[in-house]
Amino acid sequence: YNHADYLAYAIEGVISQQCDFSFELVIGEDASSDETKKIALDYQRRYPAIIRVIHSTANVGAGANFQRIVSKARGEYVAFCDGDDYWCVTHKLAGEVELIRHNPDVGVVHTDWVRSHVEGGRWIVAWGKYVHRRVPRSLLEGDVFSTFHYPKILRSCTVLFRRSAVLECAASELGRKKYKFGDAVLAAYTASRWKVAYLPEVTAVYRESPNSALRSGKQARLDFLKSSLEFDTDARRFFADRPDYPRAYRWEVAVGLFLWSISARNAETAKFALADICAHFGVIGFIAAGWHTLVMRRPSLRRQQRYVSGTSTHETSVG
């Protein structure tokens, strides 16, 4: 929605993929008020064998838009890339499919990635600061259900899922709920049933867009965190048979909600967050969950070089 300034980058990153198999690009255009639809349809005319644009006259919202493009996907595997992000290597799909194809117990493959931010009217890509440079391998592959919420892994622009896993999640109780996000839901569901494989290479650029769900003002952040609490409540029930469900997830969300409500000077939400913390954590439980979060994140403070990456930054004009 309203990704006219970025969409061409995302599309070019997909159509440039070099594979020994066929692939399609399904674009969900959600009645944007800018030139997003025009750009998408123009690319569809240029690449009719690859691109299909799904659109409507009225905005259906992020969740419904996601569901309709997934329902239209025809491939054995499904990869995602939000309209403001883009793939930066031409062998991303080939590498991920190679991994998942030969590992039947793997439901999702992901890779390393880099951030891009606006500075002085230009997008700056920190190529040398690849996100996983300090993340231990144990958090990146295998059974990662207990840490599915770790924000540095399973980034949407890097993942490739079995389509069967995506459809199962969409049909589940969690998949049918309307949260203000979908990536964590899919990550939790898939990680609870499949192993995760990892391709140790930067393949995608994640833009820290000023109008994203987490960067549209403090109230948007508060709404996002409240939705995360709702998801955790549902997930605890849904995964009741899994003793390794990350109880610290709620600790991170509730504490974050409290701190952001203080920053937003929202006393009502601050009280709500404190009440939630008291309802779900005793003193010992609160300390234990906080310690678990610290232990999980502590290794990322130590540099772990695994492959060579450039140290220069790359600049592009906004738009």
C-alpha atoms as a PDB file:
ATOM      1  CA  TYR A   1       0.000   0.000   0.000  1.00  0.00           C
ATOM      2  CA  ASN A   2       1.437   3.381  -1.123  1.00  0.00           C
ATOM      3  CA  HIS A   3       4.844   1.973  -2.034  1.00  0.00           C
ATOM      4  CA  ALA A   4       5.308   3.886  -5.283  1.00  0.00           C
ATOM      5  CA  ASP A   5       8.682   5.238  -4.158  1.00  0.00           C
ATOM      6  CA  TYR A   6      10.057   1.743  -3.503  1.00  0.00           C
ATOM      7  CA  LEU A   7       8.105  -0.847  -5.489  1.00  0.00           C
ATOM      8  CA  ALA A   8      10.361  -0.930  -8.552  1.00  0.00           C
ATOM      9  CA  TYR A   9      13.313  -1.954  -6.360  1.00  0.00           C
ATOM     10  CA  ALA A  10      11.304  -4.829  -4.893  1.00  0.00           C
ATOM     11  CA  ILE A  11      10.069  -6.038  -8.287  1.00  0.00           C
ATOM     12  CA  GLU A  12      13.483  -5.819  -9.930  1.00  0.00           C
ATOM     13  CA  GLY A  13      14.969  -7.848  -7.079  1.00  0.00           C
ATOM     14  CA  VAL A  14      12.519 -10.663  -7.819  1.00  0.00           C
ATOM     15  CA  ILE A  15      12.507 -10.739 -11.609  1.00  0.00           C
ATOM     16  CA  SER A  16      16.322 -10.715 -11.657  1.00  0.00           C
ATOM     17  CA  GLN A  17      16.493 -14.086  -9.863  1.00  0.00           C
ATOM     18  CA  GLN A  18      18.518 -16.708 -11.707  1.00  0.00           C
ATOM     19  CA  CYS A  19      17.009 -20.173 -11.155  1.00  0.00           C
ATOM     20  CA  ASP A  20      16.770 -23.550 -12.852  1.00  0.00           C
ATOM     21  CA  PHE A  21      13.048 -23.602 -12.027  1.00  0.00           C
ATOM     22  CA  SER A  22      10.145 -21.343 -12.910  1.00  0.00           C
ATOM     23  CA  PHE A  23       8.744 -18.820 -10.440  1.00  0.00           C
ATOM     24  CA  GLU A  24       5.991 -16.232 -10.289  1.00  0.00           C
ATOM     25  CA  LEU A  25       5.614 -12.866  -8.581  1.00  0.00           C
ATOM     26  CA  VAL A  26       2.185 -12.214  -7.068  1.00  0.00           C
ATOM     27  CA  ILE A  27       1.707  -8.571  -6.085  1.00  0.00           C
ATOM     28  CA  GLY A  28      -1.105  -7.601  -3.716  1.00  0.00           C
ATOM     29  CA  GLU A  29      -1.966  -3.968  -4.504  1.00  0.00           C
ATOM     30  CA  ASP A  30      -4.313  -2.641  -1.817  1.00  0.00           C
ATOM     31  CA  ALA A  31      -6.027   0.367  -3.468  1.00  0.00           C
ATOM     32  CA  SER A  32      -3.104   2.741  -2.957  1.00  0.00           C
ATOM     33  CA  SER A  33      -3.623   6.484  -3.251  1.00  0.00           C
ATOM     34  CA  ASP A  34      -0.297   6.973  -5.039  1.00  0.00           C
ATOM     35  CA  GLU A  35       1.162   5.424  -8.225  1.00  0.00           C
ATOM     36  CA  THR A  36       1.707   1.949  -6.743  1.00  0.00           C
ATOM     37  CA  LYS A  37      -0.989   0.268  -8.845  1.00  0.00           C
ATOM     38  CA  LYS A  38       0.208   1.932 -12.055  1.00  0.00           C
ATOM     39  CA  ILE A  39       3.770   0.759 -11.446  1.00  0.00           C
ATOM     40  CA  ALA A  40       2.659  -2.787 -10.626  1.00  0.00           C
ATOM     41  CA  LEU A  41       0.452  -3.090 -13.700  1.00  0.00           C
ATOM     42  CA  ASP A  42       3.190  -1.654 -15.908  1.00  0.00           C
ATOM     43  CA  TYR A  43       5.573  -4.383 -14.740  1.00  0.00           C
ATOM     44  CA  GLN A  44       2.842  -6.978 -15.277  1.00  0.00           C
ATOM     45  CA  ARG A  45       2.520  -5.838 -18.898  1.00  0.00           C
ATOM     46  CA  ARG A  46       6.281  -6.091 -19.336  1.00  0.00           C
ATOM     47  CA  TYR A  47       6.588  -9.493 -17.651  1.00  0.00           C
ATOM     48  CA  PRO A  48       3.230 -11.256 -18.179  1.00  0.00           C
ATOM     49  CA  ALA A  49       4.753 -14.717 -17.792  1.00  0.00           C
ATOM     50  CA  ILE A  50       6.052 -13.910 -14.308  1.00  0.00           C
ATOM     51  CA  ILE A  51       3.961 -11.172 -12.667  1.00  0.00           C
ATOM     52  CA  ARG A  52       0.329 -11.256 -11.567  1.00  0.00           C
ATOM     53  CA  VAL A  53      -1.183  -8.228  -9.816  1.00  0.00           C
ATOM     54  CA  ILE A  54      -4.064  -8.840  -7.413  1.00  0.00           C
ATOM     55  CA  HIS A  55      -5.988  -5.621  -6.772  1.00  0.00           C
ATOM     56  CA  SER A  56      -9.417  -4.240  -5.919  1.00  0.00           C
ATOM     57  CA  THR A  57     -11.234  -0.928  -5.898  1.00  0.00           C
ATOM     58  CA  ALA A  58     -11.360  -0.719  -2.082  1.00  0.00           C
ATOM     59  CA  ASN A  59      -8.667  -1.121   0.534  1.00  0.00           C
ATOM     60  CA  VAL A  60      -8.955  -4.498   2.279  1.00  0.00           C
ATOM     61  CA  GLY A  61      -6.190  -4.081   4.856  1.00  0.00           C
ATOM     62  CA  ALA A  62      -2.808  -5.745   5.309  1.00  0.00           C
ATOM     63  CA  GLY A  63      -4.152  -9.028   6.718  1.00  0.00           C
ATOM     64  CA  ALA A  64      -6.738  -9.633   4.001  1.00  0.00           C
ATOM     65  CA  ASN A  65      -4.295  -8.524   1.328  1.00  0.00           C
ATOM     66  CA  PHE A  66      -1.783 -11.094   2.601  1.00  0.00           C
ATOM     67  CA  GLN A  67      -4.405 -13.847   2.658  1.00  0.00           C
ATOM     68  CA  ARG A  68      -5.560 -13.227  -0.892  1.00  0.00           C
ATOM     69  CA  ILE A  69      -2.090 -13.302  -2.424  1.00  0.00           C
ATOM     70  CA  VAL A  70      -1.206 -16.486  -0.522  1.00  0.00           C
ATOM     71  CA  SER A  71      -4.410 -18.106  -1.802  1.00  0.00           C
ATOM     72  CA  LYS A  72      -3.385 -17.219  -5.364  1.00  0.00           C
ATOM     73  CA  ALA A  73       0.167 -18.570  -5.099  1.00  0.00           C
ATOM     74  CA  ARG A  74       0.784 -21.675  -7.200  1.00  0.00           C
ATOM     75  CA  GLY A  75       4.351 -22.620  -6.338  1.00  0.00           C
ATOM     76  CA  GLU A  76       5.531 -25.401  -4.045  1.00  0.00           C
ATOM     77  CA  TYR A  77       7.371 -22.759  -2.017  1.00  0.00           C
ATOM     78  CA  VAL A  78       6.451 -19.192  -1.095  1.00  0.00           C
ATOM     79  CA  ALA A  79       8.901 -16.337  -0.470  1.00  0.00           C
ATOM     80  CA  PHE A  80       7.930 -12.889   0.777  1.00  0.00           C
ATOM     81  CA  CYS A  81       9.166  -9.361   0.227  1.00  0.00           C
ATOM     82  CA  ASP A  82       7.305  -6.287   1.425  1.00  0.00           C
ATOM     83  CA  GLY A  83       6.977  -3.532  -1.152  1.00  0.00           C
ATOM     84  CA  ASP A  84       9.491  -1.261   0.552  1.00  0.00           C
ATOM     85  CA  ASP A  85      12.204  -3.940   0.918  1.00  0.00           C
ATOM     86  CA  TYR A  86      14.192  -5.651  -1.830  1.00  0.00           C
ATOM     87  CA  TRP A  87      16.426  -8.633  -2.608  1.00  0.00           C
ATOM     88  CA  CYS A  88      20.024  -7.680  -3.370  1.00  0.00           C
ATOM     89  CA  VAL A  89      21.438 -10.896  -4.891  1.00  0.00           C
ATOM     90  CA  THR A  90      20.245 -12.836  -7.940  1.00  0.00           C
ATOM     91  CA  HIS A  91      20.631 -16.318  -6.406  1.00  0.00           C
ATOM     92  CA  LYS A  92      18.468 -15.877  -3.287  1.00  0.00           C
ATOM     93  CA  LEU A  93      15.642 -18.158  -4.442  1.00  0.00           C
ATOM     94  CA  ALA A  94      17.991 -20.759  -5.923  1.00  0.00           C
ATOM     95  CA  GLY A  95      20.011 -21.027  -2.710  1.00  0.00           C
ATOM     96  CA  GLU A  96      16.977 -21.281  -0.450  1.00  0.00           C
ATOM     97  CA  VAL A  97      15.157 -23.818  -2.633  1.00  0.00           C
ATOM     98  CA  GLU A  98      18.306 -25.956  -2.749  1.00  0.00           C
ATOM     99  CA  LEU A  99      18.332 -26.093   1.053  1.00  0.00           C
ATOM    100  CA  ILE A 100      14.645 -26.792   1.625  1.00  0.00           C
ATOM    101  CA  ARG A 101      14.309 -29.234  -1.265  1.00  0.00           C
ATOM    102  CA  HIS A 102      16.863 -31.625   0.222  1.00  0.00           C
ATOM    103  CA  ASN A 103      15.645 -31.349   3.824  1.00  0.00           C
ATOM    104  CA  PRO A 104      12.065 -32.649   4.179  1.00  0.00           C
ATOM    105  CA  ASP A 105      11.942 -31.735   7.886  1.00  0.00           C
ATOM    106  CA  VAL A 106      12.611 -28.044   7.077  1.00  0.00           C
ATOM    107  CA  GLY A 107       9.587 -25.770   6.715  1.00  0.00           C
ATOM    108  CA  VAL A 108      11.305 -22.435   6.231  1.00  0.00           C
ATOM    109  CA  VAL A 109      14.666 -21.082   5.077  1.00  0.00           C
ATOM    110  CA  HIS A 110      15.968 -17.615   5.877  1.00  0.00           C
ATOM    111  CA  THR A 111      19.119 -15.567   5.354  1.00  0.00           C
ATOM    112  CA  ASP A 112      21.074 -12.655   6.716  1.00  0.00           C
ATOM    113  CA  TRP A 113      20.047  -9.083   5.845  1.00  0.00           C
ATOM    114  CA  VAL A 114      21.062  -5.453   6.161  1.00  0.00           C
ATOM    115  CA  ARG A 115      19.203  -2.297   7.141  1.00  0.00           C
ATOM    116  CA  SER A 116      18.651   0.858   5.139  1.00  0.00           C
ATOM    117  CA  HIS A 117      17.642   4.220   6.566  1.00  0.00           C
ATOM    118  CA  VAL A 118      17.067   7.755   5.338  1.00  0.00           C
ATOM    119  CA  GLU A 119      19.800  10.260   6.025  1.00  0.00           C
ATOM    120  CA  GLY A 120      19.949  13.682   4.458  1.00  0.00           C
ATOM    121  CA  GLY A 121      17.259  12.801   1.930  1.00  0.00           C
ATOM    122  CA  ARG A 122      19.039   9.644   0.767  1.00  0.00           C
ATOM    123  CA  TRP A 123      18.676   5.957   1.556  1.00  0.00           C
ATOM    124  CA  ILE A 124      21.826   4.654   3.208  1.00  0.00           C
ATOM    125  CA  VAL A 125      22.416   0.886   3.101  1.00  0.00           C
ATOM    126  CA  ALA A 126      24.878  -0.346   5.731  1.00  0.00           C
ATOM    127  CA  TRP A 127      26.352  -3.214   3.724  1.00  0.00           C
ATOM    128  CA  GLY A 128      29.128  -3.845   6.243  1.00  0.00           C
ATOM    129  CA  LYS A 129      26.770  -4.159   9.214  1.00  0.00           C
ATOM    130  CA  TYR A 130      25.033  -7.396   8.336  1.00  0.00           C
ATOM    131  CA  VAL A 131      22.499  -8.120  11.057  1.00  0.00           C
ATOM    132  CA  HIS A 132      23.535 -11.680  11.925  1.00  0.00           C
ATOM    133  CA  ARG A 133      27.202 -10.889  12.438  1.00  0.00           C
ATOM    134  CA  ARG A 134      26.735 -11.280  16.211  1.00  0.00           C
ATOM    135  CA  VAL A 135      23.945 -13.829  16.305  1.00  0.00           C
ATOM    136  CA  PRO A 136      24.912 -17.388  17.359  1.00  0.00           C
ATOM    137  CA  ARG A 137      24.088 -20.156  14.912  1.00  0.00           C
ATOM    138  CA  SER A 138      21.827 -21.839  17.504  1.00  0.00           C
ATOM    139  CA  LEU A 139      19.328 -18.981  17.105  1.00  0.00           C
ATOM    140  CA  LEU A 140      19.381 -19.162  13.321  1.00  0.00           C
ATOM    141  CA  GLU A 141      18.677 -22.790  12.449  1.00  0.00           C
ATOM    142  CA  GLY A 142      17.240 -26.029  13.709  1.00  0.00           C
ATOM    143  CA  ASP A 143      14.523 -25.872  16.363  1.00  0.00           C
ATOM    144  CA  VAL A 144      13.996 -22.156  16.985  1.00  0.00           C
ATOM    145  CA  PHE A 145      10.450 -22.270  18.359  1.00  0.00           C
ATOM    146  CA  SER A 146      11.542 -21.065  21.792  1.00  0.00           C
ATOM    147  CA  THR A 147      13.106 -17.955  20.206  1.00  0.00           C
ATOM    148  CA  PHE A 148      10.817 -17.373  17.200  1.00  0.00           C
ATOM    149  CA  HIS A 149      10.181 -13.814  18.435  1.00  0.00           C
ATOM    150  CA  TYR A 150      13.854 -12.820  18.291  1.00  0.00           C
ATOM    151  CA  PRO A 151      13.620  -9.766  15.990  1.00  0.00           C
ATOM    152  CA  LYS A 152      16.795 -10.460  14.029  1.00  0.00           C
ATOM    153  CA  ILE A 153      15.702 -13.821  12.614  1.00  0.00           C
ATOM    154  CA  LEU A 154      13.060 -14.874  10.081  1.00  0.00           C
ATOM    155  CA  ARG A 155      12.828 -11.357   8.655  1.00  0.00           C
ATOM    156  CA  SER A 156      10.000 -11.288   6.094  1.00  0.00           C
ATOM    157  CA  CYS A 157      12.160 -10.169   3.174  1.00  0.00           C
ATOM    158  CA  THR A 158      14.542 -13.117   3.689  1.00  0.00           C
ATOM    159  CA  VAL A 159      12.245 -16.112   4.195  1.00  0.00           C
ATOM    160  CA  LEU A 160      11.089 -18.930   1.935  1.00  0.00           C
ATOM    161  CA  PHE A 161       8.367 -21.289   3.244  1.00  0.00           C
ATOM    162  CA  ARG A 162       6.791 -24.489   2.080  1.00  0.00           C
ATOM    163  CA  ARG A 163       3.446 -23.357   0.712  1.00  0.00           C
ATOM    164  CA  SER A 164       1.775 -26.167   2.651  1.00  0.00           C
ATOM    165  CA  ALA A 165       3.048 -24.636   5.907  1.00  0.00           C
ATOM    166  CA  VAL A 166       1.720 -21.194   4.958  1.00  0.00           C
ATOM    167  CA  LEU A 167      -1.701 -22.593   4.057  1.00  0.00           C
ATOM    168  CA  GLU A 168      -1.874 -24.616   7.283  1.00  0.00           C
ATOM    169  CA  CYS A 169      -1.097 -21.503   9.301  1.00  0.00           C
ATOM    170  CA  ALA A 170      -3.663 -19.426   7.398  1.00  0.00           C
ATOM    171  CA  ALA A 171      -6.357 -22.014   8.135  1.00  0.00           C
ATOM    172  CA  SER A 172      -5.472 -22.272  11.831  1.00  0.00           C
ATOM    173  CA  GLU A 173      -7.054 -20.366  14.714  1.00  0.00           C
ATOM    174  CA  LEU A 174      -4.037 -18.076  14.872  1.00  0.00           C
ATOM    175  CA  GLY A 175      -4.013 -17.495  11.137  1.00  0.00           C
ATOM    176  CA  ARG A 176      -7.662 -16.429  11.099  1.00  0.00           C
ATOM    177  CA  LYS A 177      -7.260 -13.783  13.802  1.00  0.00           C
ATOM    178  CA  LYS A 178      -6.717 -10.144  12.843  1.00  0.00           C
ATOM    179  CA  TYR A 179      -3.498  -8.979  14.462  1.00  0.00           C
ATOM    180  CA  LYS A 180      -1.547  -5.916  13.362  1.00  0.00           C
ATOM    181  CA  PHE A 181       1.163  -8.187  11.974  1.00  0.00           C
ATOM    182  CA  GLY A 182       1.460 -11.549  10.305  1.00  0.00           C
ATOM    183  CA  ASP A 183       5.148 -12.415  10.301  1.00  0.00           C
ATOM    184  CA  ALA A 184       5.338 -13.468  13.961  1.00  0.00           C
ATOM    185  CA  VAL A 185       2.228 -15.624  13.586  1.00  0.00           C
ATOM    186  CA  LEU A 186       3.661 -17.487  10.606  1.00  0.00           C
ATOM    187  CA  ALA A 187       7.082 -17.775  12.260  1.00  0.00           C
ATOM    188  CA  ALA A 188       5.622 -19.241  15.455  1.00  0.00           C
ATOM    189  CA  TYR A 189       3.346 -21.688  13.661  1.00  0.00           C
ATOM    190  CA  THR A 190       6.015 -22.945  11.261  1.00  0.00           C
ATOM    191  CA  ALA A 191       8.769 -23.180  13.884  1.00  0.00           C
ATOM    192  CA  SER A 192       6.453 -25.224  16.113  1.00  0.00           C
ATOM    193  CA  ARG A 193       6.083 -27.897  13.423  1.00  0.00           C
ATOM    194  CA  TRP A 194       9.175 -27.701  11.243  1.00  0.00           C
ATOM    195  CA  LYS A 195      12.897 -27.118  11.496  1.00  0.00           C
ATOM    196  CA  VAL A 196      14.458 -23.900  10.202  1.00  0.00           C
ATOM    197  CA  ALA A 197      17.334 -23.837   7.703  1.00  0.00           C
ATOM    198  CA  TYR A 198      19.740 -20.951   7.281  1.00  0.00           C
ATOM    199  CA  LEU A 199      21.658 -19.574   4.307  1.00  0.00           C
ATOM    200  CA  PRO A 200      24.581 -17.535   5.759  1.00  0.00           C
ATOM    201  CA  GLU A 201      24.546 -14.711   3.274  1.00  0.00           C
ATOM    202  CA  VAL A 202      23.027 -11.241   2.968  1.00  0.00           C
ATOM    203  CA  THR A 203      20.266 -11.498   0.363  1.00  0.00           C
ATOM    204  CA  ALA A 204      17.888  -8.659   1.268  1.00  0.00           C
ATOM    205  CA  VAL A 205      17.720  -5.016   2.260  1.00  0.00           C
ATOM    206  CA  TYR A 206      15.191  -4.016   4.921  1.00  0.00           C
ATOM    207  CA  ARG A 207      14.143  -0.377   4.737  1.00  0.00           C
ATOM    208  CA  GLU A 208      13.384   1.332   8.029  1.00  0.00           C
ATOM    209  CA  SER A 209      10.553   3.199   6.350  1.00  0.00           C
ATOM    210  CA  PRO A 210       9.140   6.176   8.268  1.00  0.00           C
ATOM    211  CA  ASN A 211       5.528   5.140   7.550  1.00  0.00           C
ATOM    212  CA  SER A 212       5.770   1.471   8.516  1.00  0.00           C
ATOM    213  CA  ALA A 213       3.573  -0.121  11.203  1.00  0.00           C
ATOM    214  CA  LEU A 214       6.235   0.513  13.830  1.00  0.00           C
ATOM    215  CA  ARG A 215       7.298   3.972  12.649  1.00  0.00           C
ATOM    216  CA  SER A 216       4.014   5.783  12.137  1.00  0.00           C
ATOM    217  CA  GLY A 217       4.094   7.525  15.502  1.00  0.00           C
ATOM    218  CA  LYS A 218       4.009   6.466  19.132  1.00  0.00           C
ATOM    219  CA  GLN A 219       0.324   5.550  19.098  1.00  0.00           C
ATOM    220  CA  ALA A 220       0.947   3.143  16.226  1.00  0.00           C
ATOM    221  CA  ARG A 221       3.702   1.532  18.282  1.00  0.00           C
ATOM    222  CA  LEU A 222       1.373   1.198  21.276  1.00  0.00           C
ATOM    223  CA  ASP A 223      -1.348  -0.365  19.125  1.00  0.00           C
ATOM    224  CA  PHE A 224       1.175  -2.801  17.663  1.00  0.00           C
ATOM    225  CA  LEU A 225       2.366  -3.887  21.111  1.00  0.00           C
ATOM    226  CA  LYS A 226      -1.195  -4.307  22.387  1.00  0.00           C
ATOM    227  CA  SER A 227      -1.883  -6.550  19.411  1.00  0.00           C
ATOM    228  CA  SER A 228       1.250  -8.504  20.316  1.00  0.00           C
ATOM    229  CA  LEU A 229      -0.153  -9.111  23.809  1.00  0.00           C
ATOM    230  CA  GLU A 230      -3.376 -10.362  22.252  1.00  0.00           C
ATOM    231  CA  PHE A 231      -1.387 -12.726  20.046  1.00  0.00           C
ATOM    232  CA  ASP A 232       0.597 -14.017  23.016  1.00  0.00           C
ATOM    233  CA  THR A 233      -2.632 -14.760  24.912  1.00  0.00           C
ATOM    234  CA  ASP A 234      -3.947 -16.741  21.946  1.00  0.00           C
ATOM    235  CA  ALA A 235      -0.600 -18.422  21.271  1.00  0.00           C
ATOM    236  CA  ARG A 236      -0.232 -19.643  24.859  1.00  0.00           C
ATOM    237  CA  ARG A 237      -3.527 -21.451  24.494  1.00  0.00           C
ATOM    238  CA  PHE A 238      -2.821 -22.668  20.958  1.00  0.00           C
ATOM    239  CA  PHE A 239       0.620 -24.023  21.917  1.00  0.00           C
ATOM    240  CA  ALA A 240      -0.463 -25.312  25.327  1.00  0.00           C
ATOM    241  CA  ASP A 241       1.140 -28.675  24.560  1.00  0.00           C
ATOM    242  CA  ARG A 242       4.531 -27.042  23.975  1.00  0.00           C
ATOM    243  CA  PRO A 243       6.477 -26.485  27.215  1.00  0.00           C
ATOM    244  CA  ASP A 244       9.100 -24.600  25.201  1.00  0.00           C
ATOM    245  CA  TYR A 245       6.740 -21.780  24.192  1.00  0.00           C
ATOM    246  CA  PRO A 246       8.726 -18.576  24.956  1.00  0.00           C
ATOM    247  CA  ARG A 247       7.112 -17.129  28.071  1.00  0.00           C
ATOM    248  CA  ALA A 248       9.639 -14.288  27.873  1.00  0.00           C
ATOM    249  CA  TYR A 249       7.884 -13.040  24.739  1.00  0.00           C
ATOM    250  CA  ARG A 250       5.135 -11.481  26.835  1.00  0.00           C
ATOM    251  CA  TRP A 251       7.733  -9.984  29.172  1.00  0.00           C
ATOM    252  CA  GLU A 252       9.403  -8.195  26.246  1.00  0.00           C
ATOM    253  CA  VAL A 253       6.098  -6.960  24.834  1.00  0.00           C
ATOM    254  CA  ALA A 254       4.595  -5.819  28.151  1.00  0.00           C
ATOM    255  CA  VAL A 255       7.763  -4.057  29.285  1.00  0.00           C
ATOM    256  CA  GLY A 256       8.062  -2.449  25.859  1.00  0.00           C
ATOM    257  CA  LEU A 257       4.433  -1.309  26.041  1.00  0.00           C
ATOM    258  CA  PHE A 258       5.025   0.239  29.451  1.00  0.00           C
ATOM    259  CA  LEU A 259       8.163   2.102  28.351  1.00  0.00           C
ATOM    260  CA  TRP A 260       6.569   3.343  25.133  1.00  0.00           C
ATOM    261  CA  SER A 261       3.472   4.497  27.000  1.00  0.00           C
ATOM    262  CA  ILE A 262       5.706   6.528  29.318  1.00  0.00           C
ATOM    263  CA  SER A 263       7.406   8.048  26.270  1.00  0.00           C
ATOM    264  CA  ALA A 264       3.985   8.818  24.759  1.00  0.00           C
ATOM    265  CA  ARG A 265       2.757  10.198  28.105  1.00  0.00           C
ATOM    266  CA  ASN A 266      -0.163   7.815  27.938  1.00  0.00           C
ATOM    267  CA  ALA A 267      -1.027   7.097  31.558  1.00  0.00           C
ATOM    268  CA  GLU A 268      -3.943   4.807  30.721  1.00  0.00           C
ATOM    269  CA  THR A 269      -1.793   2.501  28.589  1.00  0.00           C
ATOM    270  CA  ALA A 270       0.982   2.577  31.191  1.00  0.00           C
ATOM    271  CA  LYS A 271      -1.484   1.336  33.808  1.00  0.00           C
ATOM    272  CA  PHE A 272      -2.713  -1.305  31.374  1.00  0.00           C
ATOM    273  CA  ALA A 273       0.851  -2.529  30.813  1.00  0.00           C
ATOM    274  CA  LEU A 274       1.624  -2.652  34.545  1.00  0.00           C
ATOM    275  CA  ALA A 275      -1.609  -4.538  35.191  1.00  0.00           C
ATOM    276  CA  ASP A 276      -0.680  -7.062  32.505  1.00  0.00           C
ATOM    277  CA  ILE A 277       2.782  -7.556  34.017  1.00  0.00           C
ATOM    278  CA  CYS A 278       1.289  -8.100  37.481  1.00  0.00           C
ATOM    279  CA  ALA A 279      -1.316 -10.506  36.112  1.00  0.00           C
ATOM    280  CA  HIS A 280       1.200 -12.710  34.317  1.00  0.00           C
ATOM    281  CA  PHE A 281       4.376 -12.429  36.368  1.00  0.00           C
ATOM    282  CA  GLY A 282       5.154 -12.645  40.032  1.00  0.00           C
ATOM    283  CA  VAL A 283       8.408 -11.124  41.246  1.00  0.00           C
ATOM    284  CA  ILE A 284      10.370 -14.315  40.633  1.00  0.00           C
ATOM    285  CA  GLY A 285       8.682 -14.924  37.282  1.00  0.00           C
ATOM    286  CA  PHE A 286       9.364 -11.363  36.151  1.00  0.00           C
ATOM    287  CA  ILE A 287      13.067 -11.675  37.030  1.00  0.00           C
ATOM    288  CA  ALA A 288      13.313 -15.094  35.392  1.00  0.00           C
ATOM    289  CA  ALA A 289      11.699 -13.915  32.149  1.00  0.00           C
ATOM    290  CA  GLY A 290      13.916 -10.857  32.067  1.00  0.00           C
ATOM    291  CA  TRP A 291      16.996 -12.997  32.645  1.00  0.00           C
ATOM    292  CA  HIS A 292      15.939 -15.349  29.838  1.00  0.00           C
ATOM    293  CA  THR A 293      15.652 -12.371  27.494  1.00  0.00           C
ATOM    294  CA  LEU A 294      19.103 -11.135  28.510  1.00  0.00           C
ATOM    295  CA  VAL A 295      20.656 -14.566  27.994  1.00  0.00           C
ATOM    296  CA  MET A 296      19.068 -14.855  24.559  1.00  0.00           C
ATOM    297  CA  ARG A 297      20.303 -11.459  23.415  1.00  0.00           C
ATOM    298  CA  ARG A 298      23.688 -11.401  25.144  1.00  0.00           C
ATOM    299  CA  PRO A 299      25.599 -13.438  22.502  1.00  0.00           C
ATOM    300  CA  SER A 300      24.663 -10.858  19.868  1.00  0.00           C
ATOM    301  CA  LEU A 301      26.824  -8.361  21.733  1.00  0.00           C
ATOM    302  CA  ARG A 302      29.913 -10.355  20.763  1.00  0.00           C
ATOM    303  CA  ARG A 303      31.088 -10.138  17.179  1.00  0.00           C
ATOM    304  CA  GLN A 304      30.999 -13.479  15.356  1.00  0.00           C
ATOM    305  CA  GLN A 305      32.468 -13.158  11.868  1.00  0.00           C
ATOM    306  CA  ARG A 306      31.323 -15.989   9.620  1.00  0.00           C
ATOM    307  CA  TYR A 307      31.793 -14.662   6.111  1.00  0.00           C
ATOM    308  CA  VAL A 308      33.345 -11.685   4.390  1.00  0.00           C
ATOM    309  CA  SER A 309      31.115  -8.670   3.837  1.00  0.00           C
ATOM    310  CA  GLY A 310      31.956  -5.236   2.493  1.00  0.00           C
ATOM    311  CA  THR A 311      32.385  -2.375   4.933  1.00  0.00           C
ATOM    312  CA  SER A 312      31.202   0.479   2.788  1.00  0.00           C
ATOM    313  CA  THR A 313      27.728   1.956   2.782  1.00  0.00           C
ATOM    314  CA  HIS A 314      25.649   2.446  -0.331  1.00  0.00           C
ATOM    315  CA  GLU A 315      23.584   5.533  -0.982  1.00  0.00           C
ATOM    316  CA  THR A 316      20.511   5.889  -3.162  1.00  0.00           C
ATOM    317  CA  SER A 317      18.196   8.824  -3.612  1.00  0.00           C
ATOM    318  CA  VAL A 318      14.867   8.620  -1.821  1.00  0.00           C
ATOM    319  CA  GLY A 319      12.337   7.478  -4.388  1.00  0.00           C
END
